[in-house]
Amino acid sequence: MANDTHSVGFFAAEVLDRTAERQPNKTAIIAKEEALTFAALNQRVHAIAGHLQNAGVKPGERVGVLLPNCAAIPLSYFATQKIGAVTVILDARLKGKELQGVLRDADLKLLIVHSQLLAEVREVLNGMAAVALWIVGGDGTESFEKRYAAPGTVAPPANLDADDDALILYTSGTTGEPKGVVLSYRNLAQYPMVMEEMGITDRSTMRGCILPMSHIVGPVVCNELAQRGYTLVIFDQINPVTLLEGIQRHRVTVFESVPIVFQLLLGVKNLASYDTSSVKIAAMMGTSIPLPLLRAFQTARPHIKVIQGYGLTETSPMITLVEPDKAEAKMGSIGRAVPGVEIKIVDESGREVSVGEAGEIITRGPHVMKGYFRKAAATAERIRDGWLYTGDVGKREADGYYYHLGRRDDMIITGGLNVYPAEVENLIYTYPGVQENIVFAIPDSKRGQVLGAAVVARRGKQVSERELLVFLRANLANFKVPDRIVVRESLPRTSSGKTIRDAETLLGS
């Protein structure tokens, strides 16, 4: 290993060693099942790492982690990183053929799985190559807990490089074969650096981890935990009341989530009764985040700085971020390029467009993934001349702040005119009583496509399809007005929580 790579903290398990030595008695992790000091965390990591080596796991081989949010995820992550293995963190919500496809593609040496998921795993592994199982909450020879309870010695790999494979995360979608995003140690080091330079976290931070840790946020906050030495509070479920109770109990200072979680928080009847005074920053991570939602949350919790960030699993993850001191002034923007990141807005031919013009967001820098696991063609399609093509449409204003306009594939062409659904969705969010909505394309024999909108009303509120249509006609060009509006009890989502933008699904029951 080169000395310079060590000095900047590319290798999370190494950094954890130093942090545990510096502050052994500080609480590192708080989870439902237990709390761990840095010393206890590091001791368990060393034990598990030693047992992984004893099990024959070699540098570069893949170890799967299939767990709901719990302390075993960071333990497994740091242990695999310690021995130079590649951590493959899988979504615990995967089922049946979807899970089978991912497990087959990942080609694992060993799988760490929760006992609650064991029956499903054994069923989908039937007929596949044998994979060793370590079971969290299990007993006997396969018990995960017995391994970290027993002392273990570990021999760190001698030739690990910052650009070696460190992590694989599988992207979600409604169609197509699974794609594993391969991230290096260098990729994973970017997030702690960005958070530090933005002044978002320090050693005193109580960081709330709300999203599933199979999301890119999971491993990068583990890296940040090691680097910054703060306390990580792991929430085991996405529940607005549980979240509020946890914030109050543990005095959480920073958390990030996705728009639907903020919508759920706003829907809590007695929101004001919960003490959230400890929270300094709430980051809305995602793409097109409705401005009315941002404003509503800031109004409800004015002491919290609500910032927006943008990125992808493929960019580990940060591309842009709004600085905390610009939270109010730049509300609605996805921010400026984070340090070390290049961004362009380009047209269909790859030429950079002028300031204020819409085009595809592309990016280059040390944050860009190595590629898709064993998928050279898919990688070459996504990364061209060192630039990653995001598939997202955006624009840059003269002050360097970017705005997200939607997915390129989501653009609706109606009668030859282009409509970005996010523009219509943001307007619908301003209509009284709307909890969430999605705009989608409906095939049409005359215009090729027309717009549809599915709307969910807030609890205790009603939304009239007819009156909403009148509102939209008064505020939009005719070609942007949905031809059909449906009010639903909820919106259909993928296993990762993304809303499904499909006409047949949305117009059905």
Protein backbone atom coordinates (compact mmCIF):
# COMPACT_ATOMS: atom_id res chain seq x y z
CA MET A 1 0.00 0.00 0.00
CA ALA A 2 1.26 3.44 -0.85
CA ASN A 3 1.82 5.73 2.12
CA ASP A 4 -0.07 8.63 0.57
CA THR A 5 -3.27 6.59 0.37
CA HIS A 6 -3.12 5.93 4.08
CA SER A 7 -2.65 9.57 4.95
CA VAL A 8 -5.93 10.67 3.36
CA GLY A 9 -8.01 7.84 4.80
CA PHE A 10 -8.96 5.79 1.76
CA PHE A 11 -9.14 2.57 3.75
CA ALA A 12 -12.00 2.85 6.23
CA ALA A 13 -10.97 -0.05 8.46
CA GLU A 14 -7.52 1.47 8.90
CA VAL A 15 -9.04 4.82 9.80
CA LEU A 16 -11.33 3.09 12.30
CA ASP A 17 -8.27 1.64 14.03
CA ARG A 18 -6.85 5.13 14.58
CA THR A 19 -10.18 6.59 15.70
CA ALA A 20 -10.77 3.74 18.16
CA GLU A 21 -7.31 4.28 19.63
CA ARG A 22 -7.95 8.03 19.97
CA GLN A 23 -11.44 7.78 21.52
CA PRO A 24 -12.05 4.21 22.69
CA ASN A 25 -14.87 4.98 25.12
CA LYS A 26 -16.95 7.23 22.91
CA THR A 27 -20.19 5.73 21.60
CA ALA A 28 -19.79 4.87 17.92
CA ILE A 29 -23.08 3.16 17.05
CA ILE A 30 -26.54 3.17 18.56
CA ALA A 31 -28.91 0.58 17.13
CA LYS A 32 -32.12 -1.02 18.32
CA GLU A 33 -30.34 -4.07 19.67
CA GLU A 34 -27.35 -2.38 21.34
CA ALA A 35 -24.89 0.52 21.57
CA LEU A 36 -21.17 0.08 20.85
CA THR A 37 -18.17 2.19 21.78
CA PHE A 38 -15.43 2.66 19.22
CA ALA A 39 -13.26 0.19 21.14
CA ALA A 40 -16.01 -2.46 21.19
CA LEU A 41 -16.83 -1.85 17.52
CA ASN A 42 -13.20 -2.21 16.48
CA GLN A 43 -12.68 -5.33 18.59
CA ARG A 44 -15.63 -7.02 16.89
CA VAL A 45 -14.42 -5.90 13.46
CA HIS A 46 -11.01 -7.48 14.06
CA ALA A 47 -12.61 -10.71 15.26
CA ILE A 48 -14.96 -10.99 12.27
CA ALA A 49 -12.17 -10.10 9.85
CA GLY A 50 -9.97 -12.84 11.29
CA HIS A 51 -12.78 -15.38 10.98
CA LEU A 52 -13.39 -14.30 7.35
CA GLN A 53 -9.75 -15.01 6.59
CA ASN A 54 -9.99 -18.35 8.37
CA ALA A 55 -13.00 -19.14 6.18
CA GLY A 56 -10.79 -18.67 3.13
CA VAL A 57 -12.03 -15.24 1.98
CA LYS A 58 -9.24 -13.61 -0.02
CA PRO A 59 -8.68 -10.00 -1.15
CA GLY A 60 -10.93 -9.17 -4.10
CA GLU A 61 -13.47 -11.91 -3.32
CA ARG A 62 -17.04 -10.84 -2.64
CA VAL A 63 -18.84 -11.10 0.68
CA GLY A 64 -22.58 -10.43 0.62
CA VAL A 65 -24.47 -8.61 3.38
CA LEU A 66 -28.25 -9.16 3.38
CA LEU A 67 -29.59 -7.52 6.52
CA PRO A 68 -32.22 -5.04 7.65
CA ASN A 69 -30.76 -1.93 9.30
CA CYS A 70 -28.80 -3.10 12.35
CA ALA A 71 -25.35 -2.91 13.95
CA ALA A 72 -24.25 -6.02 12.04
CA ILE A 73 -24.09 -4.02 8.78
CA PRO A 74 -21.23 -1.68 9.80
CA LEU A 75 -19.53 -4.63 11.55
CA SER A 76 -19.67 -6.67 8.34
CA TYR A 77 -18.66 -3.70 6.20
CA PHE A 78 -15.57 -2.76 8.21
CA ALA A 79 -14.51 -6.41 8.58
CA THR A 80 -14.64 -7.12 4.84
CA GLN A 81 -12.84 -3.86 4.13
CA LYS A 82 -10.18 -4.85 6.70
CA ILE A 83 -9.13 -7.91 4.69
CA GLY A 84 -9.45 -6.34 1.24
CA ALA A 85 -12.59 -8.28 0.33
CA VAL A 86 -15.34 -6.62 -1.70
CA THR A 87 -18.46 -5.85 0.34
CA VAL A 88 -21.73 -6.50 -1.52
CA ILE A 89 -24.54 -4.88 0.49
CA LEU A 90 -27.92 -6.16 -0.70
CA ASP A 91 -31.41 -4.80 -0.18
CA ALA A 92 -33.16 -6.86 2.49
CA ARG A 93 -36.48 -6.23 0.73
CA LEU A 94 -35.50 -8.27 -2.35
CA LYS A 95 -37.62 -11.36 -2.93
CA GLY A 96 -37.87 -14.37 -5.22
CA LYS A 97 -36.44 -14.07 -8.73
CA GLU A 98 -35.18 -10.53 -8.07
CA LEU A 99 -33.07 -11.76 -5.14
CA GLN A 100 -32.02 -14.85 -7.07
CA GLY A 101 -30.84 -12.72 -10.01
CA VAL A 102 -28.72 -10.50 -7.78
CA LEU A 103 -27.18 -13.42 -5.86
CA ARG A 104 -26.35 -15.22 -9.09
CA ASP A 105 -24.79 -12.10 -10.59
CA ALA A 106 -22.74 -11.23 -7.49
CA ASP A 107 -20.96 -14.63 -7.40
CA LEU A 108 -20.39 -14.50 -3.62
CA LYS A 109 -17.81 -16.38 -1.57
CA LEU A 110 -19.86 -15.91 1.61
CA LEU A 111 -23.19 -14.35 2.59
CA ILE A 112 -24.01 -12.73 5.95
CA VAL A 113 -27.80 -12.95 6.28
CA HIS A 114 -30.38 -12.25 8.99
CA SER A 115 -32.24 -15.23 10.41
CA GLN A 116 -35.54 -13.59 9.42
CA LEU A 117 -34.50 -13.79 5.76
CA LEU A 118 -32.95 -17.23 5.87
CA ALA A 119 -35.88 -19.24 4.49
CA GLU A 120 -36.14 -16.97 1.43
CA VAL A 121 -32.37 -17.14 0.87
CA ARG A 122 -32.18 -20.93 1.12
CA GLU A 123 -35.01 -21.22 -1.39
CA VAL A 124 -33.43 -18.94 -4.01
CA LEU A 125 -29.98 -20.49 -3.51
CA ASN A 126 -31.36 -23.93 -4.33
CA GLY A 127 -29.68 -25.10 -7.52
CA MET A 128 -27.00 -22.38 -7.43
CA ALA A 129 -23.33 -22.78 -6.57
CA ALA A 130 -22.80 -23.32 -2.85
CA VAL A 131 -22.39 -20.14 -0.77
CA ALA A 132 -21.25 -20.22 2.86
CA LEU A 133 -23.78 -18.59 5.21
CA TRP A 134 -23.18 -16.65 8.43
CA ILE A 135 -26.46 -15.98 10.19
CA VAL A 136 -27.19 -12.89 12.28
CA GLY A 137 -29.49 -14.03 15.09
CA GLY A 138 -28.60 -17.65 14.37
CA ASP A 139 -26.93 -20.32 16.42
CA GLY A 140 -24.60 -23.25 15.90
CA THR A 141 -21.73 -23.22 13.44
CA GLU A 142 -23.32 -20.55 11.21
CA SER A 143 -23.83 -17.94 13.96
CA PHE A 144 -22.49 -14.47 13.16
CA GLU A 145 -22.52 -13.42 16.82
CA LYS A 146 -20.37 -16.37 17.92
CA ARG A 147 -17.69 -15.22 15.51
CA TYR A 148 -17.32 -11.73 16.86
CA ALA A 149 -17.57 -13.03 20.44
CA ALA A 150 -14.52 -15.23 19.86
CA PRO A 151 -11.09 -13.58 19.59
CA GLY A 152 -9.68 -13.39 16.11
CA THR A 153 -6.42 -12.27 14.57
CA VAL A 154 -6.31 -10.58 11.21
CA ALA A 155 -3.51 -10.06 8.73
CA PRO A 156 -4.21 -6.93 6.61
CA PRO A 157 -3.47 -7.44 2.91
CA ALA A 158 -0.07 -6.22 1.79
CA ASN A 159 -0.81 -4.85 -1.67
CA LEU A 160 -4.16 -3.06 -1.39
CA ASP A 161 -4.51 -0.01 -3.64
CA ALA A 162 -6.95 2.90 -3.38
CA ASP A 163 -8.32 2.07 -6.84
CA ASP A 164 -9.09 -1.58 -6.04
CA ASP A 165 -12.71 -2.77 -5.87
CA ALA A 166 -14.16 -2.10 -2.40
CA LEU A 167 -17.94 -2.18 -2.68
CA ILE A 168 -20.71 -3.38 -4.98
CA LEU A 169 -24.26 -2.05 -4.72
CA TYR A 170 -27.03 -3.18 -7.01
CA THR A 171 -29.20 -0.58 -8.70
CA SER A 172 -32.92 -1.00 -8.57
CA GLY A 173 -35.39 -0.86 -11.37
CA THR A 174 -38.62 -2.28 -12.63
CA THR A 175 -37.14 -4.06 -15.66
CA GLY A 176 -33.90 -5.50 -16.88
CA GLU A 177 -31.14 -7.59 -15.35
CA PRO A 178 -29.44 -6.49 -12.16
CA LYS A 179 -26.43 -4.18 -12.42
CA GLY A 180 -23.82 -4.07 -9.70
CA VAL A 181 -22.17 -0.67 -9.27
CA VAL A 182 -18.48 -1.22 -8.48
CA LEU A 183 -16.92 1.44 -6.24
CA SER A 184 -13.27 1.71 -5.22
CA TYR A 185 -11.72 2.75 -1.93
CA ARG A 186 -10.96 6.10 -3.58
CA ASN A 187 -14.62 6.51 -4.58
CA LEU A 188 -15.79 5.83 -1.02
CA ALA A 189 -13.36 8.34 0.47
CA GLN A 190 -15.02 11.24 -1.33
CA TYR A 191 -18.10 11.55 0.87
CA PRO A 192 -16.31 12.16 4.20
CA MET A 193 -14.10 14.73 2.46
CA VAL A 194 -17.13 16.57 1.06
CA MET A 195 -18.98 16.58 4.39
CA GLU A 196 -15.89 17.97 6.11
CA GLU A 197 -15.30 20.69 3.53
CA MET A 198 -18.96 21.69 3.67
CA GLY A 199 -18.81 21.87 7.47
CA ILE A 200 -21.78 19.53 7.86
CA THR A 201 -20.35 17.02 10.33
CA ASP A 202 -17.74 16.95 13.07
CA ARG A 203 -16.86 14.78 16.06
CA SER A 204 -19.85 16.06 18.04
CA THR A 205 -22.39 15.06 15.36
CA MET A 206 -25.19 12.62 16.19
CA ARG A 207 -25.86 11.26 12.73
CA GLY A 208 -29.24 9.66 12.07
CA CYS A 209 -29.17 6.88 9.46
CA ILE A 210 -32.79 6.55 8.33
CA LEU A 211 -32.52 5.10 4.84
CA PRO A 212 -31.83 1.38 4.29
CA MET A 213 -28.08 0.84 4.66
CA SER A 214 -28.12 -1.07 1.37
CA HIS A 215 -28.53 2.42 -0.10
CA ILE A 216 -25.23 4.16 -0.97
CA VAL A 217 -25.71 6.34 2.11
CA GLY A 218 -25.11 3.27 4.32
CA PRO A 219 -21.46 2.49 3.46
CA VAL A 220 -20.45 6.12 3.00
CA VAL A 221 -21.71 7.13 6.45
CA CYS A 222 -19.72 4.16 7.80
CA ASN A 223 -16.64 5.67 6.17
CA GLU A 224 -17.56 9.04 7.65
CA LEU A 225 -18.08 7.46 11.09
CA ALA A 226 -14.53 6.12 10.98
CA GLN A 227 -13.08 9.38 9.63
CA ARG A 228 -14.97 11.90 11.76
CA GLY A 229 -15.44 9.88 14.95
CA TYR A 230 -19.05 10.91 15.50
CA THR A 231 -21.95 8.77 16.73
CA LEU A 232 -24.16 6.96 14.22
CA VAL A 233 -27.78 6.30 15.19
CA ILE A 234 -29.21 3.48 13.04
CA PHE A 235 -32.99 3.44 12.59
CA ASP A 236 -34.38 0.00 11.84
CA GLN A 237 -37.52 1.18 10.03
CA ILE A 238 -38.80 4.13 8.02
CA ASN A 239 -41.57 5.27 10.30
CA PRO A 240 -42.19 8.97 10.97
CA VAL A 241 -43.15 8.49 14.63
CA THR A 242 -40.19 6.18 15.31
CA LEU A 243 -37.94 8.72 13.61
CA LEU A 244 -39.23 11.60 15.70
CA GLU A 245 -38.92 9.56 18.90
CA GLY A 246 -35.36 8.61 17.98
CA ILE A 247 -34.37 12.18 17.20
CA GLN A 248 -35.77 13.27 20.54
CA ARG A 249 -34.20 10.43 22.55
CA HIS A 250 -30.71 10.51 21.00
CA ARG A 251 -30.50 14.23 20.22
CA VAL A 252 -29.78 13.65 16.54
CA THR A 253 -28.13 16.68 14.90
CA VAL A 254 -27.92 15.67 11.20
CA PHE A 255 -29.95 13.32 9.07
CA GLU A 256 -30.75 12.85 5.42
CA SER A 257 -33.60 11.14 3.70
CA VAL A 258 -35.80 11.20 0.62
CA PRO A 259 -38.88 13.34 -0.12
CA ILE A 260 -41.46 10.72 0.88
CA VAL A 261 -40.02 10.59 4.44
CA PHE A 262 -40.31 14.37 4.81
CA GLN A 263 -43.88 14.15 3.52
CA LEU A 264 -44.64 11.49 6.14
CA LEU A 265 -43.11 13.66 8.89
CA LEU A 266 -45.31 16.57 7.89
CA GLY A 267 -48.31 14.24 8.11
CA VAL A 268 -47.74 13.46 11.81
CA LYS A 269 -50.66 15.09 13.61
CA ASN A 270 -48.77 16.12 16.73
CA LEU A 271 -45.47 16.97 15.01
CA ALA A 272 -44.97 20.06 17.20
CA SER A 273 -45.04 17.96 20.38
CA TYR A 274 -41.77 16.20 19.50
CA ASP A 275 -38.52 17.87 20.56
CA THR A 276 -36.41 18.18 17.40
CA SER A 277 -34.40 21.17 18.66
CA SER A 278 -31.15 19.18 18.41
CA VAL A 279 -31.39 18.89 14.62
CA LYS A 280 -29.22 21.38 12.78
CA ILE A 281 -29.36 20.04 9.22
CA ALA A 282 -31.83 17.86 7.33
CA ALA A 283 -30.70 16.93 3.84
CA MET A 284 -33.20 15.98 1.17
CA MET A 285 -31.37 13.59 -1.10
CA GLY A 286 -32.77 12.84 -4.50
CA THR A 287 -33.48 14.40 -7.83
CA SER A 288 -36.53 16.58 -8.35
CA ILE A 289 -37.68 17.62 -4.92
CA PRO A 290 -40.85 19.73 -4.83
CA LEU A 291 -40.19 23.29 -3.71
CA PRO A 292 -43.50 23.39 -1.80
CA LEU A 293 -42.32 20.38 0.24
CA LEU A 294 -39.05 22.12 1.10
CA ARG A 295 -40.91 25.25 2.17
CA ALA A 296 -43.52 23.34 4.14
CA PHE A 297 -40.90 21.46 6.12
CA GLN A 298 -38.91 24.60 6.83
CA THR A 299 -42.08 26.34 7.99
CA ALA A 300 -42.96 23.43 10.29
CA ARG A 301 -39.41 23.14 11.71
CA PRO A 302 -37.84 26.60 11.18
CA HIS A 303 -34.76 25.82 13.33
CA ILE A 304 -33.66 23.12 10.87
CA LYS A 305 -31.59 24.04 7.82
CA VAL A 306 -33.06 22.05 4.94
CA ILE A 307 -30.50 21.47 2.22
CA GLN A 308 -30.69 19.53 -1.01
CA GLY A 309 -28.09 17.26 -2.52
CA TYR A 310 -27.91 15.36 -5.77
CA GLY A 311 -26.06 12.25 -6.75
CA LEU A 312 -26.23 8.63 -7.80
CA THR A 313 -24.97 5.31 -6.56
CA GLU A 314 -22.67 5.48 -9.59
CA THR A 315 -21.12 8.72 -8.22
CA SER A 316 -20.57 7.48 -4.61
CA PRO A 317 -22.87 9.49 -4.31
CA MET A 318 -22.39 13.27 -4.21
CA ILE A 319 -22.31 15.43 -7.32
CA THR A 320 -23.82 18.64 -5.99
CA LEU A 321 -24.85 20.01 -2.62
CA VAL A 322 -26.36 23.21 -1.25
CA GLU A 323 -24.12 24.71 1.42
CA PRO A 324 -25.83 24.98 4.83
CA ASP A 325 -25.49 28.79 4.87
CA LYS A 326 -27.30 28.93 1.50
CA ALA A 327 -30.17 26.66 2.55
CA GLU A 328 -32.87 29.33 2.38
CA ALA A 329 -31.48 31.48 -0.43
CA LYS A 330 -31.00 28.51 -2.79
CA MET A 331 -34.05 26.48 -1.86
CA GLY A 332 -35.09 24.40 -4.87
CA SER A 333 -31.57 24.16 -6.27
CA ILE A 334 -29.60 20.91 -6.10
CA GLY A 335 -26.55 23.04 -5.27
CA ARG A 336 -23.10 23.56 -6.69
CA ALA A 337 -20.53 20.97 -7.68
CA VAL A 338 -18.89 19.54 -4.57
CA PRO A 339 -15.09 19.81 -4.29
CA GLY A 340 -13.18 17.77 -6.87
CA VAL A 341 -16.20 17.19 -9.12
CA GLU A 342 -16.65 18.44 -12.70
CA ILE A 343 -20.11 18.88 -14.24
CA LYS A 344 -21.36 19.74 -17.71
CA ILE A 345 -24.83 20.18 -19.16
CA VAL A 346 -24.81 18.76 -22.70
CA ASP A 347 -27.21 18.29 -25.60
CA GLU A 348 -27.97 15.01 -27.38
CA SER A 349 -24.74 15.21 -29.37
CA GLY A 350 -22.64 15.73 -26.24
CA ARG A 351 -22.01 19.45 -26.81
CA GLU A 352 -22.12 21.71 -23.76
CA VAL A 353 -25.18 23.98 -23.76
CA SER A 354 -25.39 27.60 -22.69
CA VAL A 355 -26.13 28.81 -19.17
CA GLY A 356 -29.84 28.42 -18.40
CA GLU A 357 -30.46 25.83 -21.13
CA ALA A 358 -31.68 22.32 -20.34
CA GLY A 359 -29.58 19.27 -21.14
CA GLU A 360 -28.21 16.04 -19.70
CA ILE A 361 -26.07 16.25 -16.58
CA ILE A 362 -22.69 14.59 -17.02
CA THR A 363 -19.89 14.44 -14.47
CA ARG A 364 -16.22 13.53 -14.13
CA GLY A 365 -13.91 13.05 -11.15
CA PRO A 366 -12.74 10.66 -8.42
CA HIS A 367 -16.37 10.05 -7.41
CA VAL A 368 -17.30 8.21 -10.62
CA MET A 369 -17.69 4.43 -10.28
CA LYS A 370 -15.26 1.95 -11.78
CA GLY A 371 -18.13 0.44 -13.75
CA TYR A 372 -20.85 -2.19 -13.62
CA PHE A 373 -19.77 -5.59 -12.33
CA ARG A 374 -18.82 -7.84 -15.26
CA LYS A 375 -20.83 -5.68 -17.68
CA ALA A 376 -18.38 -3.98 -20.02
CA ALA A 377 -20.99 -2.92 -22.58
CA ALA A 378 -23.26 -1.30 -19.98
CA THR A 379 -20.24 0.48 -18.48
CA ALA A 380 -19.10 1.80 -21.87
CA GLU A 381 -22.59 3.11 -22.56
CA ARG A 382 -22.64 5.01 -19.26
CA ILE A 383 -19.03 6.26 -19.06
CA ARG A 384 -17.64 7.94 -22.18
CA ASP A 385 -14.24 9.62 -22.34
CA GLY A 386 -14.15 9.64 -18.54
CA TRP A 387 -17.53 11.38 -18.22
CA LEU A 388 -20.46 9.62 -16.57
CA TYR A 389 -23.76 10.32 -18.30
CA THR A 390 -26.36 10.49 -15.53
CA GLY A 391 -29.52 10.29 -17.63
CA ASP A 392 -30.85 13.27 -15.66
CA VAL A 393 -31.86 16.58 -17.21
CA GLY A 394 -30.79 19.81 -15.56
CA LYS A 395 -29.61 23.35 -16.08
CA ARG A 396 -26.91 25.60 -14.65
CA GLU A 397 -27.51 29.22 -13.77
CA ALA A 398 -24.86 31.93 -14.03
CA ASP A 399 -24.03 31.73 -10.30
CA GLY A 400 -22.95 28.07 -10.67
CA TYR A 401 -25.99 26.54 -8.99
CA TYR A 402 -27.70 23.63 -10.71
CA TYR A 403 -31.37 22.70 -11.01
CA HIS A 404 -32.76 19.23 -11.68
CA LEU A 405 -35.54 19.03 -14.27
CA GLY A 406 -36.22 15.30 -14.41
CA ARG A 407 -35.04 12.06 -15.96
CA ARG A 408 -34.17 12.13 -19.65
CA ASP A 409 -36.16 8.92 -20.11
CA ASP A 410 -39.14 10.46 -18.32
CA MET A 411 -39.49 13.33 -20.80
CA ILE A 412 -42.88 13.20 -22.48
CA ILE A 413 -43.20 14.21 -26.12
CA THR A 414 -46.79 15.22 -26.84
CA GLY A 415 -47.64 16.44 -30.31
CA GLY A 416 -43.93 17.07 -30.94
CA LEU A 417 -43.52 19.24 -27.82
CA ASN A 418 -41.29 18.28 -24.87
CA VAL A 419 -42.64 18.21 -21.30
CA TYR A 420 -40.55 17.46 -18.22
CA PRO A 421 -42.88 15.82 -15.66
CA ALA A 422 -41.12 17.52 -12.72
CA GLU A 423 -42.39 20.93 -13.86
CA VAL A 424 -46.01 19.76 -13.77
CA GLU A 425 -45.50 17.78 -10.54
CA ASN A 426 -44.07 20.80 -8.74
CA LEU A 427 -47.15 22.83 -9.66
CA ILE A 428 -49.51 20.07 -8.50
CA TYR A 429 -47.72 20.06 -5.14
CA THR A 430 -48.86 23.65 -4.61
CA TYR A 431 -52.52 22.63 -4.85
CA PRO A 432 -54.17 22.40 -1.39
CA GLY A 433 -54.48 18.91 0.03
CA VAL A 434 -51.93 17.16 -2.22
CA GLN A 435 -49.59 14.78 -0.36
CA GLU A 436 -47.67 13.51 -3.38
CA ASN A 437 -48.10 13.04 -7.10
CA ILE A 438 -46.49 11.73 -10.24
CA VAL A 439 -46.93 12.72 -13.89
CA PHE A 440 -46.60 10.03 -16.56
CA ALA A 441 -47.05 9.38 -20.27
CA ILE A 442 -50.19 7.79 -21.74
CA PRO A 443 -49.96 6.44 -25.34
CA ASP A 444 -52.14 8.41 -27.74
CA SER A 445 -52.91 7.65 -31.40
CA LYS A 446 -52.98 11.32 -32.47
CA ARG A 447 -50.29 13.03 -30.35
CA GLY A 448 -48.08 10.02 -29.66
CA GLN A 449 -48.27 10.66 -25.91
CA VAL A 450 -50.45 12.68 -23.58
CA LEU A 451 -49.95 13.42 -19.92
CA GLY A 452 -51.55 11.66 -16.98
CA ALA A 453 -51.26 12.52 -13.29
CA ALA A 454 -51.77 10.33 -10.23
CA VAL A 455 -52.38 12.18 -6.97
CA VAL A 456 -52.44 11.16 -3.30
CA ALA A 457 -54.38 13.41 -0.91
CA ARG A 458 -53.14 14.33 2.55
CA ARG A 459 -54.70 12.51 5.47
CA GLY A 460 -58.13 13.98 6.19
CA LYS A 461 -58.14 16.00 2.95
CA GLN A 462 -59.88 15.51 -0.38
CA VAL A 463 -58.70 16.42 -3.86
CA SER A 464 -61.22 16.96 -6.64
CA GLU A 465 -59.90 15.76 -10.00
CA ARG A 466 -62.12 18.27 -11.77
CA GLU A 467 -61.06 21.27 -9.66
CA LEU A 468 -57.39 20.32 -9.88
CA LEU A 469 -57.71 20.24 -13.66
CA VAL A 470 -59.19 23.77 -13.66
CA PHE A 471 -56.22 24.91 -11.54
CA LEU A 472 -53.69 23.38 -13.92
CA ARG A 473 -55.35 24.87 -17.00
CA ALA A 474 -55.07 28.30 -15.42
CA ASN A 475 -51.35 27.90 -14.71
CA LEU A 476 -49.88 25.80 -17.52
CA ALA A 477 -49.58 25.86 -21.28
CA ASN A 478 -52.30 23.68 -22.80
CA PHE A 479 -49.91 20.95 -23.98
CA LYS A 480 -48.58 20.50 -20.41
CA VAL A 481 -52.02 19.96 -18.85
CA PRO A 482 -52.73 16.26 -18.05
CA ASP A 483 -55.47 14.68 -20.09
CA ARG A 484 -56.35 12.43 -17.18
CA ILE A 485 -56.03 12.80 -13.41
CA VAL A 486 -56.59 9.95 -10.94
CA VAL A 487 -56.66 10.16 -7.15
CA ARG A 488 -55.08 7.12 -5.49
CA GLU A 489 -54.64 6.03 -1.89
CA SER A 490 -50.91 5.54 -2.54
CA LEU A 491 -48.37 5.44 -5.36
CA PRO A 492 -46.77 2.16 -6.44
CA ARG A 493 -43.03 1.86 -5.71
CA THR A 494 -40.06 -0.36 -6.45
CA SER A 495 -38.33 -2.29 -3.64
CA SER A 496 -36.00 0.72 -3.14
CA GLY A 497 -38.91 3.14 -2.73
CA LYS A 498 -38.81 4.77 -6.17
CA THR A 499 -42.22 5.64 -7.60
CA ILE A 500 -43.21 3.61 -10.65
CA ARG A 501 -43.95 5.92 -13.57
CA ASP A 502 -46.05 3.52 -15.62
CA ALA A 503 -49.47 4.38 -17.08
CA GLU A 504 -50.95 0.88 -16.88
CA THR A 505 -49.91 0.53 -13.23
CA LEU A 506 -51.00 4.02 -12.20
CA LEU A 507 -54.33 3.96 -13.96
CA GLY A 508 -55.19 0.55 -12.55
CA SER A 509 -56.71 -0.06 -9.16
